[in-house]
Amino acid sequence: MDTKGRVSIPASFRRVLEQSDPAWTDGLNPELVIVYGDHRRNYLECYTIDAINEVDDKIDALPRGSVQRKMLQRLFHGQSFPTNVDETGRLVLPAKLREKIGLEKEAFFIAAGDTFQIWKPETYEEEELSKTEAWLDELPDDFDPLSYLDGAPEN
């Protein structure tokens, strides 16, 4: 990350953003929405336009006035930042978002289909990696997690 808060988006992520932005055409910068969320979220989650529209449709399908709808609107609409990738393939992260997750020099990206997460590398190592290791430690030594892809029952 540079001093202006710009991070380079991996090219493969940019292609997904382009393909999932209905308004994008060659020569334009793809749009996305960064959801920074509540106090428990220690990362930024970047949604393609199609992905955030899907979330919005699901929120809109909830009963008007319901607590669930109000809370999800706050979490997604009230705690998000619409933006776009610049012409050099970078994303400008406002100071407020960088400060929220303690991002200073380096950013760690994790792709998840039509979303990706931006983490402070140390936070990811401390929190998420330890969760994964704990989960793996609960499994039998000879269990292959890839078997979940075939619908194996969860232990």
N, C-alpha and C. Protein backbone atom coordinates (compact mmCIF):
# COMPACT_ATOMS: atom_id res chain seq x y z
N MET A 1 0.85 -1.16 0.00
CA MET A 1 0.00 0.00 0.00
C MET A 1 0.90 1.23 0.00
N ASP A 2 0.53 2.22 -0.81
CA ASP A 2 1.33 3.43 -0.83
C ASP A 2 0.80 4.44 0.20
N THR A 3 1.43 5.61 0.27
CA THR A 3 1.08 6.61 1.28
C THR A 3 -0.32 7.20 1.07
N LYS A 4 -0.87 7.08 -0.13
CA LYS A 4 -2.21 7.59 -0.40
C LYS A 4 -3.29 6.53 -0.18
N GLY A 5 -2.89 5.35 0.32
CA GLY A 5 -3.85 4.30 0.59
C GLY A 5 -4.24 3.48 -0.62
N ARG A 6 -3.43 3.50 -1.65
CA ARG A 6 -3.73 2.73 -2.86
C ARG A 6 -3.10 1.35 -2.77
N VAL A 7 -3.90 0.34 -3.11
CA VAL A 7 -3.40 -1.03 -3.18
C VAL A 7 -3.68 -1.57 -4.56
N SER A 8 -2.75 -2.35 -5.07
CA SER A 8 -2.93 -2.96 -6.39
C SER A 8 -3.83 -4.18 -6.25
N ILE A 9 -4.84 -4.24 -7.09
CA ILE A 9 -5.76 -5.37 -7.11
C ILE A 9 -5.17 -6.42 -8.05
N PRO A 10 -5.01 -7.66 -7.58
CA PRO A 10 -4.50 -8.70 -8.48
C PRO A 10 -5.33 -8.77 -9.76
N ALA A 11 -4.66 -8.99 -10.88
CA ALA A 11 -5.33 -8.99 -12.19
C ALA A 11 -6.51 -9.95 -12.24
N SER A 12 -6.38 -11.12 -11.64
CA SER A 12 -7.47 -12.09 -11.67
C SER A 12 -8.70 -11.55 -10.93
N PHE A 13 -8.50 -10.79 -9.86
CA PHE A 13 -9.61 -10.17 -9.15
C PHE A 13 -10.26 -9.09 -10.01
N ARG A 14 -9.43 -8.32 -10.73
CA ARG A 14 -9.97 -7.26 -11.60
C ARG A 14 -10.86 -7.85 -12.68
N ARG A 15 -10.48 -9.01 -13.23
CA ARG A 15 -11.32 -9.65 -14.26
C ARG A 15 -12.69 -10.02 -13.69
N VAL A 16 -12.71 -10.53 -12.46
CA VAL A 16 -13.98 -10.89 -11.82
C VAL A 16 -14.82 -9.64 -11.60
N LEU A 17 -14.19 -8.56 -11.15
CA LEU A 17 -14.92 -7.29 -10.95
C LEU A 17 -15.51 -6.79 -12.26
N GLU A 18 -14.73 -6.87 -13.33
CA GLU A 18 -15.23 -6.43 -14.64
C GLU A 18 -16.42 -7.27 -15.09
N GLN A 19 -16.29 -8.58 -14.99
CA GLN A 19 -17.35 -9.48 -15.46
C GLN A 19 -18.63 -9.36 -14.63
N SER A 20 -18.49 -8.89 -13.39
CA SER A 20 -19.64 -8.83 -12.48
C SER A 20 -20.17 -7.41 -12.30
N ASP A 21 -19.78 -6.51 -13.18
CA ASP A 21 -20.28 -5.13 -13.16
C ASP A 21 -21.09 -4.92 -14.43
N PRO A 22 -22.43 -4.91 -14.32
CA PRO A 22 -23.28 -4.78 -15.51
C PRO A 22 -23.01 -3.52 -16.33
N ALA A 23 -22.48 -2.47 -15.70
CA ALA A 23 -22.23 -1.22 -16.41
C ALA A 23 -20.83 -1.16 -17.03
N TRP A 24 -20.00 -2.17 -16.75
CA TRP A 24 -18.61 -2.12 -17.22
C TRP A 24 -18.52 -2.45 -18.70
N THR A 25 -17.72 -1.68 -19.40
CA THR A 25 -17.31 -1.99 -20.78
C THR A 25 -15.83 -1.71 -20.88
N ASP A 26 -15.21 -2.22 -21.92
CA ASP A 26 -13.78 -2.03 -22.10
C ASP A 26 -13.45 -0.55 -22.07
N GLY A 27 -12.45 -0.19 -21.29
CA GLY A 27 -12.04 1.20 -21.16
C GLY A 27 -12.59 1.87 -19.91
N LEU A 28 -13.59 1.27 -19.27
CA LEU A 28 -14.12 1.81 -18.03
C LEU A 28 -13.50 1.10 -16.83
N ASN A 29 -13.59 1.72 -15.68
CA ASN A 29 -13.07 1.13 -14.45
C ASN A 29 -14.21 0.39 -13.75
N PRO A 30 -14.01 -0.88 -13.40
CA PRO A 30 -15.09 -1.63 -12.75
C PRO A 30 -15.40 -1.08 -11.35
N GLU A 31 -16.67 -1.13 -11.01
CA GLU A 31 -17.12 -0.68 -9.69
C GLU A 31 -17.23 -1.86 -8.73
N LEU A 32 -17.20 -1.56 -7.45
CA LEU A 32 -17.36 -2.55 -6.41
C LEU A 32 -17.84 -1.84 -5.15
N VAL A 33 -18.19 -2.61 -4.14
CA VAL A 33 -18.60 -2.05 -2.86
C VAL A 33 -17.76 -2.70 -1.77
N ILE A 34 -17.12 -1.87 -0.96
CA ILE A 34 -16.33 -2.36 0.17
C ILE A 34 -17.22 -2.31 1.41
N VAL A 35 -17.46 -3.47 1.99
CA VAL A 35 -18.22 -3.53 3.24
C VAL A 35 -17.21 -3.64 4.37
N TYR A 36 -17.24 -2.64 5.25
CA TYR A 36 -16.29 -2.66 6.36
C TYR A 36 -16.92 -3.18 7.64
N GLY A 37 -18.23 -3.16 7.72
CA GLY A 37 -18.94 -3.83 8.79
C GLY A 37 -18.77 -3.27 10.18
N ASP A 38 -19.18 -4.09 11.13
CA ASP A 38 -19.23 -3.67 12.53
C ASP A 38 -17.88 -3.84 13.21
N HIS A 39 -17.88 -3.60 14.52
CA HIS A 39 -16.66 -3.62 15.32
C HIS A 39 -16.00 -5.00 15.38
N ARG A 40 -16.74 -6.05 15.06
CA ARG A 40 -16.16 -7.40 15.13
C ARG A 40 -15.40 -7.78 13.88
N ARG A 41 -15.59 -7.04 12.82
CA ARG A 41 -14.97 -7.38 11.54
C ARG A 41 -13.60 -6.73 11.44
N ASN A 42 -12.57 -7.55 11.27
CA ASN A 42 -11.19 -7.06 11.22
C ASN A 42 -10.62 -7.10 9.81
N TYR A 43 -11.48 -7.04 8.83
CA TYR A 43 -11.06 -7.05 7.44
C TYR A 43 -12.08 -6.26 6.63
N LEU A 44 -11.73 -5.98 5.39
CA LEU A 44 -12.64 -5.32 4.46
C LEU A 44 -13.10 -6.37 3.47
N GLU A 45 -14.39 -6.41 3.20
CA GLU A 45 -14.90 -7.38 2.23
C GLU A 45 -15.38 -6.61 1.00
N CYS A 46 -14.81 -6.95 -0.13
CA CYS A 46 -15.10 -6.27 -1.38
C CYS A 46 -16.07 -7.12 -2.21
N TYR A 47 -17.21 -6.54 -2.52
CA TYR A 47 -18.25 -7.22 -3.28
C TYR A 47 -18.29 -6.69 -4.71
N THR A 48 -18.43 -7.61 -5.65
CA THR A 48 -18.69 -7.19 -7.01
C THR A 48 -20.08 -6.56 -7.02
N ILE A 49 -20.41 -5.84 -8.08
CA ILE A 49 -21.73 -5.22 -8.19
C ILE A 49 -22.81 -6.30 -8.21
N ASP A 50 -22.61 -7.37 -8.97
CA ASP A 50 -23.60 -8.46 -8.98
C ASP A 50 -23.77 -9.07 -7.60
N ALA A 51 -22.68 -9.25 -6.86
CA ALA A 51 -22.75 -9.87 -5.54
C ALA A 51 -23.49 -8.98 -4.55
N ILE A 52 -23.22 -7.67 -4.55
CA ILE A 52 -23.90 -6.78 -3.62
C ILE A 52 -25.38 -6.63 -4.01
N ASN A 53 -25.67 -6.70 -5.31
CA ASN A 53 -27.07 -6.67 -5.73
C ASN A 53 -27.82 -7.90 -5.23
N GLU A 54 -27.15 -9.04 -5.23
CA GLU A 54 -27.75 -10.27 -4.71
C GLU A 54 -28.04 -10.13 -3.22
N VAL A 55 -27.08 -9.57 -2.47
CA VAL A 55 -27.29 -9.34 -1.04
C VAL A 55 -28.45 -8.38 -0.84
N ASP A 56 -28.47 -7.29 -1.60
CA ASP A 56 -29.55 -6.31 -1.49
C ASP A 56 -30.91 -6.94 -1.77
N ASP A 57 -30.98 -7.80 -2.79
CA ASP A 57 -32.25 -8.47 -3.11
C ASP A 57 -32.72 -9.34 -1.94
N LYS A 58 -31.79 -10.01 -1.29
CA LYS A 58 -32.14 -10.87 -0.15
C LYS A 58 -32.60 -10.03 1.05
N ILE A 59 -31.94 -8.91 1.26
CA ILE A 59 -32.36 -8.01 2.34
C ILE A 59 -33.76 -7.46 2.03
N ASP A 60 -33.97 -7.05 0.79
CA ASP A 60 -35.27 -6.49 0.38
C ASP A 60 -36.40 -7.52 0.50
N ALA A 61 -36.08 -8.79 0.44
CA ALA A 61 -37.10 -9.84 0.53
C ALA A 61 -37.56 -10.08 1.97
N LEU A 62 -36.81 -9.56 2.93
CA LEU A 62 -37.21 -9.71 4.33
C LEU A 62 -38.39 -8.78 4.63
N PRO A 63 -39.20 -9.13 5.61
CA PRO A 63 -40.37 -8.30 5.94
C PRO A 63 -39.96 -6.88 6.33
N ARG A 64 -40.66 -5.90 5.77
CA ARG A 64 -40.42 -4.50 6.13
C ARG A 64 -40.64 -4.34 7.63
N GLY A 65 -39.77 -3.58 8.25
CA GLY A 65 -39.91 -3.33 9.68
C GLY A 65 -39.32 -4.42 10.57
N SER A 66 -38.90 -5.54 9.98
CA SER A 66 -38.33 -6.61 10.80
C SER A 66 -36.95 -6.19 11.30
N VAL A 67 -36.60 -6.67 12.47
CA VAL A 67 -35.30 -6.38 13.05
C VAL A 67 -34.18 -6.89 12.12
N GLN A 68 -34.38 -8.10 11.56
CA GLN A 68 -33.35 -8.67 10.68
C GLN A 68 -33.09 -7.75 9.48
N ARG A 69 -34.17 -7.25 8.87
CA ARG A 69 -34.00 -6.37 7.70
C ARG A 69 -33.28 -5.08 8.11
N LYS A 70 -33.71 -4.48 9.21
CA LYS A 70 -33.08 -3.23 9.66
C LYS A 70 -31.60 -3.43 9.95
N MET A 71 -31.27 -4.51 10.65
CA MET A 71 -29.87 -4.75 11.01
C MET A 71 -29.02 -5.04 9.77
N LEU A 72 -29.53 -5.85 8.87
CA LEU A 72 -28.76 -6.14 7.65
C LEU A 72 -28.60 -4.89 6.79
N GLN A 73 -29.61 -4.04 6.74
CA GLN A 73 -29.47 -2.78 6.01
C GLN A 73 -28.36 -1.94 6.62
N ARG A 74 -28.32 -1.89 7.95
CA ARG A 74 -27.27 -1.12 8.61
C ARG A 74 -25.89 -1.71 8.36
N LEU A 75 -25.81 -3.06 8.44
CA LEU A 75 -24.51 -3.71 8.25
C LEU A 75 -24.00 -3.59 6.82
N PHE A 76 -24.90 -3.65 5.86
CA PHE A 76 -24.46 -3.60 4.46
C PHE A 76 -24.56 -2.22 3.83
N HIS A 77 -25.63 -1.50 4.07
CA HIS A 77 -25.78 -0.18 3.45
C HIS A 77 -25.09 0.91 4.26
N GLY A 78 -25.21 0.81 5.58
CA GLY A 78 -24.67 1.84 6.44
C GLY A 78 -23.19 1.70 6.73
N GLN A 79 -22.63 0.54 6.44
CA GLN A 79 -21.22 0.31 6.72
C GLN A 79 -20.50 -0.20 5.48
N SER A 80 -20.71 0.55 4.40
CA SER A 80 -20.07 0.17 3.13
C SER A 80 -19.61 1.42 2.40
N PHE A 81 -18.75 1.18 1.42
CA PHE A 81 -18.15 2.27 0.66
C PHE A 81 -18.11 1.89 -0.82
N PRO A 82 -19.02 2.47 -1.64
CA PRO A 82 -18.97 2.19 -3.08
C PRO A 82 -17.74 2.87 -3.70
N THR A 83 -17.07 2.18 -4.58
CA THR A 83 -15.87 2.73 -5.21
C THR A 83 -15.61 2.04 -6.53
N ASN A 84 -14.47 2.30 -7.12
CA ASN A 84 -14.08 1.62 -8.35
C ASN A 84 -12.57 1.43 -8.37
N VAL A 85 -12.15 0.55 -9.25
CA VAL A 85 -10.72 0.32 -9.48
C VAL A 85 -10.24 1.43 -10.40
N ASP A 86 -9.09 2.03 -10.11
CA ASP A 86 -8.61 3.12 -10.96
C ASP A 86 -7.99 2.58 -12.25
N GLU A 87 -7.59 3.48 -13.11
CA GLU A 87 -7.06 3.09 -14.43
C GLU A 87 -5.76 2.31 -14.37
N THR A 88 -5.09 2.33 -13.22
CA THR A 88 -3.84 1.56 -13.08
C THR A 88 -4.06 0.25 -12.34
N GLY A 89 -5.33 -0.11 -12.08
CA GLY A 89 -5.62 -1.38 -11.42
C GLY A 89 -5.51 -1.32 -9.90
N ARG A 90 -5.59 -0.10 -9.37
CA ARG A 90 -5.48 0.05 -7.93
C ARG A 90 -6.82 0.46 -7.32
N LEU A 91 -6.92 0.20 -6.04
CA LEU A 91 -8.08 0.56 -5.25
C LEU A 91 -7.60 1.54 -4.19
N VAL A 92 -8.31 2.67 -4.06
CA VAL A 92 -7.95 3.64 -3.04
C VAL A 92 -8.78 3.34 -1.80
N LEU A 93 -8.09 3.04 -0.71
CA LEU A 93 -8.76 2.76 0.55
C LEU A 93 -8.73 4.02 1.42
N PRO A 94 -9.90 4.58 1.72
CA PRO A 94 -9.93 5.78 2.56
C PRO A 94 -9.30 5.53 3.93
N ALA A 95 -8.79 6.59 4.53
CA ALA A 95 -8.12 6.49 5.83
C ALA A 95 -9.02 5.81 6.86
N LYS A 96 -10.31 6.12 6.85
CA LYS A 96 -11.25 5.53 7.82
C LYS A 96 -11.23 3.99 7.74
N LEU A 97 -11.19 3.46 6.53
CA LEU A 97 -11.19 2.01 6.36
C LEU A 97 -9.84 1.41 6.73
N ARG A 98 -8.77 2.08 6.36
CA ARG A 98 -7.43 1.59 6.72
C ARG A 98 -7.26 1.56 8.23
N GLU A 99 -7.73 2.62 8.89
CA GLU A 99 -7.61 2.69 10.34
C GLU A 99 -8.45 1.62 11.02
N LYS A 100 -9.63 1.34 10.48
CA LYS A 100 -10.52 0.35 11.09
C LYS A 100 -9.84 -1.01 11.24
N ILE A 101 -9.06 -1.40 10.21
CA ILE A 101 -8.42 -2.72 10.26
C ILE A 101 -6.91 -2.62 10.57
N GLY A 102 -6.43 -1.41 10.83
CA GLY A 102 -5.02 -1.24 11.18
C GLY A 102 -4.07 -1.43 10.02
N LEU A 103 -4.54 -1.20 8.81
CA LEU A 103 -3.71 -1.40 7.62
C LEU A 103 -2.70 -0.27 7.48
N GLU A 104 -1.42 -0.64 7.34
CA GLU A 104 -0.38 0.36 7.28
C GLU A 104 0.45 0.28 6.00
N LYS A 105 1.11 -0.85 5.78
CA LYS A 105 2.03 -0.94 4.64
C LYS A 105 1.65 -2.02 3.64
N GLU A 106 1.28 -3.17 4.14
CA GLU A 106 0.97 -4.29 3.27
C GLU A 106 -0.47 -4.73 3.47
N ALA A 107 -1.05 -5.24 2.39
CA ALA A 107 -2.41 -5.77 2.44
C ALA A 107 -2.37 -7.22 1.99
N PHE A 108 -3.19 -8.03 2.62
CA PHE A 108 -3.29 -9.44 2.28
C PHE A 108 -4.67 -9.68 1.68
N PHE A 109 -4.72 -10.26 0.49
CA PHE A 109 -5.97 -10.48 -0.24
C PHE A 109 -6.36 -11.95 -0.20
N ILE A 110 -7.66 -12.20 -0.01
CA ILE A 110 -8.19 -13.55 -0.09
C ILE A 110 -9.40 -13.52 -1.02
N ALA A 111 -9.35 -14.30 -2.08
CA ALA A 111 -10.48 -14.36 -3.01
C ALA A 111 -11.49 -15.38 -2.54
N ALA A 112 -12.76 -15.06 -2.77
CA ALA A 112 -13.84 -15.98 -2.41
C ALA A 112 -14.95 -15.86 -3.46
N GLY A 113 -14.64 -16.27 -4.68
CA GLY A 113 -15.63 -16.20 -5.76
C GLY A 113 -15.90 -14.77 -6.18
N ASP A 114 -17.12 -14.28 -5.87
CA ASP A 114 -17.49 -12.93 -6.31
C ASP A 114 -17.25 -11.87 -5.22
N THR A 115 -16.47 -12.23 -4.22
CA THR A 115 -16.02 -11.27 -3.22
C THR A 115 -14.54 -11.54 -2.96
N PHE A 116 -13.90 -10.57 -2.35
CA PHE A 116 -12.56 -10.81 -1.83
C PHE A 116 -12.38 -9.98 -0.57
N GLN A 117 -11.48 -10.44 0.27
CA GLN A 117 -11.23 -9.77 1.53
C GLN A 117 -9.84 -9.14 1.51
N ILE A 118 -9.74 -8.00 2.21
CA ILE A 118 -8.46 -7.33 2.41
C ILE A 118 -8.18 -7.34 3.90
N TRP A 119 -7.04 -7.90 4.28
CA TRP A 119 -6.64 -8.03 5.67
C TRP A 119 -5.30 -7.34 5.91
N LYS A 120 -5.09 -6.93 7.13
CA LYS A 120 -3.73 -6.62 7.59
C LYS A 120 -3.08 -7.99 7.75
N PRO A 121 -1.93 -8.25 7.14
CA PRO A 121 -1.34 -9.60 7.18
C PRO A 121 -1.21 -10.18 8.58
N GLU A 122 -0.77 -9.38 9.53
CA GLU A 122 -0.58 -9.89 10.89
C GLU A 122 -1.91 -10.31 11.53
N THR A 123 -2.97 -9.56 11.27
CA THR A 123 -4.28 -9.89 11.82
C THR A 123 -4.76 -11.21 11.25
N TYR A 124 -4.57 -11.40 9.94
CA TYR A 124 -4.99 -12.65 9.33
C TYR A 124 -4.23 -13.82 9.95
N GLU A 125 -2.92 -13.65 10.09
CA GLU A 125 -2.10 -14.71 10.68
C GLU A 125 -2.57 -15.05 12.09
N GLU A 126 -2.82 -14.04 12.89
CA GLU A 126 -3.20 -14.25 14.29
C GLU A 126 -4.59 -14.86 14.42
N GLU A 127 -5.56 -14.33 13.67
CA GLU A 127 -6.95 -14.72 13.88
C GLU A 127 -7.40 -15.86 12.99
N GLU A 128 -7.33 -15.68 11.72
CA GLU A 128 -7.91 -16.66 10.80
C GLU A 128 -7.08 -17.92 10.66
N LEU A 129 -5.77 -17.76 10.59
CA LEU A 129 -4.92 -18.93 10.45
C LEU A 129 -5.05 -19.83 11.69
N SER A 130 -5.14 -19.22 12.86
CA SER A 130 -5.28 -20.02 14.07
C SER A 130 -6.63 -20.73 14.11
N LYS A 131 -7.69 -20.11 13.59
CA LYS A 131 -9.00 -20.76 13.52
C LYS A 131 -8.94 -21.98 12.60
N THR A 132 -8.27 -21.82 11.47
CA THR A 132 -8.14 -22.93 10.52
C THR A 132 -7.35 -24.06 11.14
N GLU A 133 -6.25 -23.73 11.80
CA GLU A 133 -5.43 -24.76 12.44
C GLU A 133 -6.21 -25.49 13.54
N ALA A 134 -6.98 -24.75 14.33
CA ALA A 134 -7.79 -25.37 15.39
C ALA A 134 -8.83 -26.31 14.79
N TRP A 135 -9.46 -25.89 13.70
CA TRP A 135 -10.46 -26.72 13.02
C TRP A 135 -9.80 -28.01 12.51
N LEU A 136 -8.64 -27.87 11.87
CA LEU A 136 -7.93 -29.04 11.36
C LEU A 136 -7.51 -29.97 12.49
N ASP A 137 -7.10 -29.41 13.63
CA ASP A 137 -6.67 -30.23 14.76
C ASP A 137 -7.81 -31.06 15.34
N GLU A 138 -9.06 -30.63 15.15
CA GLU A 138 -10.22 -31.38 15.64
C GLU A 138 -10.57 -32.57 14.75
N LEU A 139 -10.05 -32.59 13.55
CA LEU A 139 -10.34 -33.66 12.61
C LEU A 139 -9.41 -34.84 12.85
N PRO A 140 -9.85 -36.05 12.51
CA PRO A 140 -8.94 -37.20 12.62
C PRO A 140 -7.70 -36.99 11.75
N ASP A 141 -6.58 -37.55 12.18
CA ASP A 141 -5.31 -37.35 11.46
C ASP A 141 -5.38 -37.80 10.01
N ASP A 142 -6.17 -38.83 9.73
CA ASP A 142 -6.22 -39.36 8.36
C ASP A 142 -7.35 -38.74 7.53
N PHE A 143 -8.03 -37.73 8.07
CA PHE A 143 -9.16 -37.11 7.35
C PHE A 143 -8.63 -36.07 6.36
N ASP A 144 -9.14 -36.13 5.15
CA ASP A 144 -8.77 -35.17 4.12
C ASP A 144 -9.90 -34.15 3.97
N PRO A 145 -9.67 -32.87 4.30
CA PRO A 145 -10.72 -31.86 4.20
C PRO A 145 -11.31 -31.72 2.79
N LEU A 146 -10.57 -32.14 1.78
CA LEU A 146 -11.11 -32.08 0.42
C LEU A 146 -12.34 -32.96 0.26
N SER A 147 -12.50 -33.94 1.15
CA SER A 147 -13.68 -34.79 1.06
C SER A 147 -14.97 -34.01 1.29
N TYR A 148 -14.90 -32.85 1.93
CA TYR A 148 -16.08 -32.00 2.11
C TYR A 148 -16.64 -31.54 0.77
N LEU A 149 -15.78 -31.46 -0.22
CA LEU A 149 -16.23 -31.06 -1.55
C LEU A 149 -17.19 -32.07 -2.15
N ASP A 150 -17.10 -33.32 -1.67
CA ASP A 150 -17.98 -34.37 -2.15
C ASP A 150 -19.18 -34.60 -1.24
N GLY A 151 -19.37 -33.69 -0.30
CA GLY A 151 -20.54 -33.77 0.57
C GLY A 151 -20.38 -34.66 1.79
N ALA A 152 -19.16 -34.88 2.24
CA ALA A 152 -18.95 -35.68 3.45
C ALA A 152 -19.59 -34.98 4.63
N PRO A 153 -20.16 -35.72 5.56
CA PRO A 153 -20.78 -35.09 6.73
C PRO A 153 -19.75 -34.35 7.57
N GLU A 154 -20.17 -33.23 8.14
CA GLU A 154 -19.28 -32.43 8.99
C GLU A 154 -19.08 -33.13 10.31
N ASN A 155 -17.83 -33.14 10.81
CA ASN A 155 -17.52 -33.74 12.12
C ASN A 155 -17.75 -32.76 13.22
